[in-house]
């Protein structure tokens, strides 16, 4: 069976008992309304800017708090941009993140 969960990743700074600060990723599982196809013109326009969109997810706008990454079906994606469909729904356009490569 495939894992079709979606988790938004946010980064927080935590402090231990002696005051050392460390970044920690927090995963928040959210429901998906619909998985959509990447449109050809959107793919080519993004590719000109150096992005390779590979995933469009429609989610509730209430679940999104400007996160930059998500995990979908055990793969990590960068959120390239968002598109507001209605007041309640938005689309996340994402590209698959390559392992061992940090974005600047």
Protein backbone atom coordinates (compact mmCIF):
# COMPACT_ATOMS: atom_id res chain seq x y z
CA UNK A 1 0.00 0.00 0.00
CA UNK A 2 1.25 3.49 -0.85
CA UNK A 3 1.58 6.28 1.68
CA UNK A 4 -0.45 9.19 0.29
CA UNK A 5 -0.01 11.48 3.25
CA UNK A 6 1.11 15.06 2.94
CA UNK A 7 3.12 16.79 5.65
CA UNK A 8 4.11 20.44 5.62
CA UNK A 9 7.58 21.09 7.05
CA UNK A 10 8.35 24.16 9.12
CA UNK A 11 11.56 25.04 10.91
CA UNK A 12 11.67 26.14 14.53
CA UNK A 13 14.55 26.98 16.81
CA UNK A 14 14.69 24.97 20.03
CA UNK A 15 16.90 25.63 23.02
CA UNK A 16 18.20 22.86 25.25
CA UNK A 17 18.81 23.02 29.02
CA UNK A 18 22.20 24.74 28.70
CA UNK A 19 20.99 27.33 26.20
CA UNK A 20 22.32 25.88 22.94
CA UNK A 21 19.97 26.67 20.06
CA UNK A 22 19.28 24.12 17.34
CA UNK A 23 16.99 24.10 14.31
CA UNK A 24 14.28 21.46 14.34
CA UNK A 25 11.85 20.53 11.58
CA UNK A 26 8.22 20.21 12.57
CA UNK A 27 5.94 18.04 10.41
CA UNK A 28 2.24 18.91 10.23
CA UNK A 29 0.04 16.38 8.45
CA UNK A 30 -2.67 17.94 6.30
CA UNK A 31 -5.48 16.53 4.16
CA UNK A 32 -5.19 16.84 0.36
CA UNK A 33 -8.23 17.96 -1.60
CA UNK A 34 -6.87 17.00 -5.02
CA UNK A 35 -3.62 16.19 -6.83
CA UNK A 36 -3.49 18.04 -10.17
CA UNK A 37 -1.33 17.84 -13.28
CA UNK A 38 1.39 20.36 -14.07
CA UNK A 39 0.35 22.38 -17.12
CA UNK A 40 2.79 22.43 -20.04
CA UNK A 41 3.05 26.23 -20.24
CA UNK A 42 3.58 26.44 -16.47
CA UNK A 43 6.33 23.81 -16.69
CA UNK A 44 8.19 25.64 -19.46
CA UNK A 45 7.88 29.07 -17.83
CA UNK A 46 9.18 27.70 -14.52
CA UNK A 47 11.96 25.83 -16.30
CA UNK A 48 13.19 29.15 -17.77
CA UNK A 49 13.59 30.40 -14.18
CA UNK A 50 15.50 27.28 -13.11
CA UNK A 51 12.61 25.39 -11.49
CA UNK A 52 11.26 21.97 -12.42
CA UNK A 53 7.71 21.75 -11.09
CA UNK A 54 6.57 18.17 -10.65
CA UNK A 55 3.59 18.35 -8.28
CA UNK A 56 0.41 20.44 -7.86
CA UNK A 57 -1.57 19.90 -4.67
CA UNK A 58 -4.89 21.54 -3.86
CA UNK A 59 -5.25 22.03 -0.09
CA UNK A 60 -7.30 24.05 2.34
CA UNK A 61 -5.93 27.56 2.82
CA UNK A 62 -6.41 27.20 6.57
CA UNK A 63 -3.71 24.50 6.72
CA UNK A 64 -0.97 26.53 5.03
CA UNK A 65 1.28 28.92 6.99
CA UNK A 66 3.92 29.87 4.37
CA UNK A 67 5.93 26.66 4.73
CA UNK A 68 8.70 26.15 2.17
CA UNK A 69 8.82 22.34 2.08
CA UNK A 70 6.50 19.36 2.22
CA UNK A 71 6.66 15.58 2.22
CA UNK A 72 4.31 13.79 -0.18
CA UNK A 73 4.37 10.01 -0.61
CA UNK A 74 7.70 9.80 1.26
CA UNK A 75 9.41 12.32 -1.08
CA UNK A 76 10.49 15.82 -0.06
CA UNK A 77 9.44 18.76 -2.24
CA UNK A 78 10.22 22.49 -2.25
CA UNK A 79 7.18 24.71 -2.58
CA UNK A 80 7.90 26.96 -5.57
CA UNK A 81 4.78 29.09 -5.34
CA UNK A 82 1.16 29.12 -4.27
CA UNK A 83 -1.95 29.97 -6.24
CA UNK A 84 -5.15 31.01 -4.48
CA UNK A 85 -8.17 29.37 -6.13
CA UNK A 86 -10.88 30.49 -3.72
CA UNK A 87 -10.87 32.05 -0.28
CA UNK A 88 -10.80 28.53 1.18
CA UNK A 89 -8.50 26.65 -1.22
CA UNK A 90 -5.06 27.13 -2.69
CA UNK A 91 -2.71 25.19 -4.91
CA UNK A 92 0.90 24.43 -3.98
CA UNK A 93 3.21 24.12 -6.98
CA UNK A 94 6.20 22.03 -5.91
CA UNK A 95 9.45 20.63 -7.25
CA UNK A 96 11.07 17.47 -6.01
CA UNK A 97 14.01 18.14 -3.74
CA UNK A 98 17.32 16.51 -4.59
CA UNK A 99 18.98 14.78 -1.67
CA UNK A 100 22.19 16.25 -0.22
CA UNK A 101 21.69 19.61 -1.96
CA UNK A 102 20.93 22.73 0.08
CA UNK A 103 19.04 25.66 -1.41
CA UNK A 104 20.53 29.08 -0.83
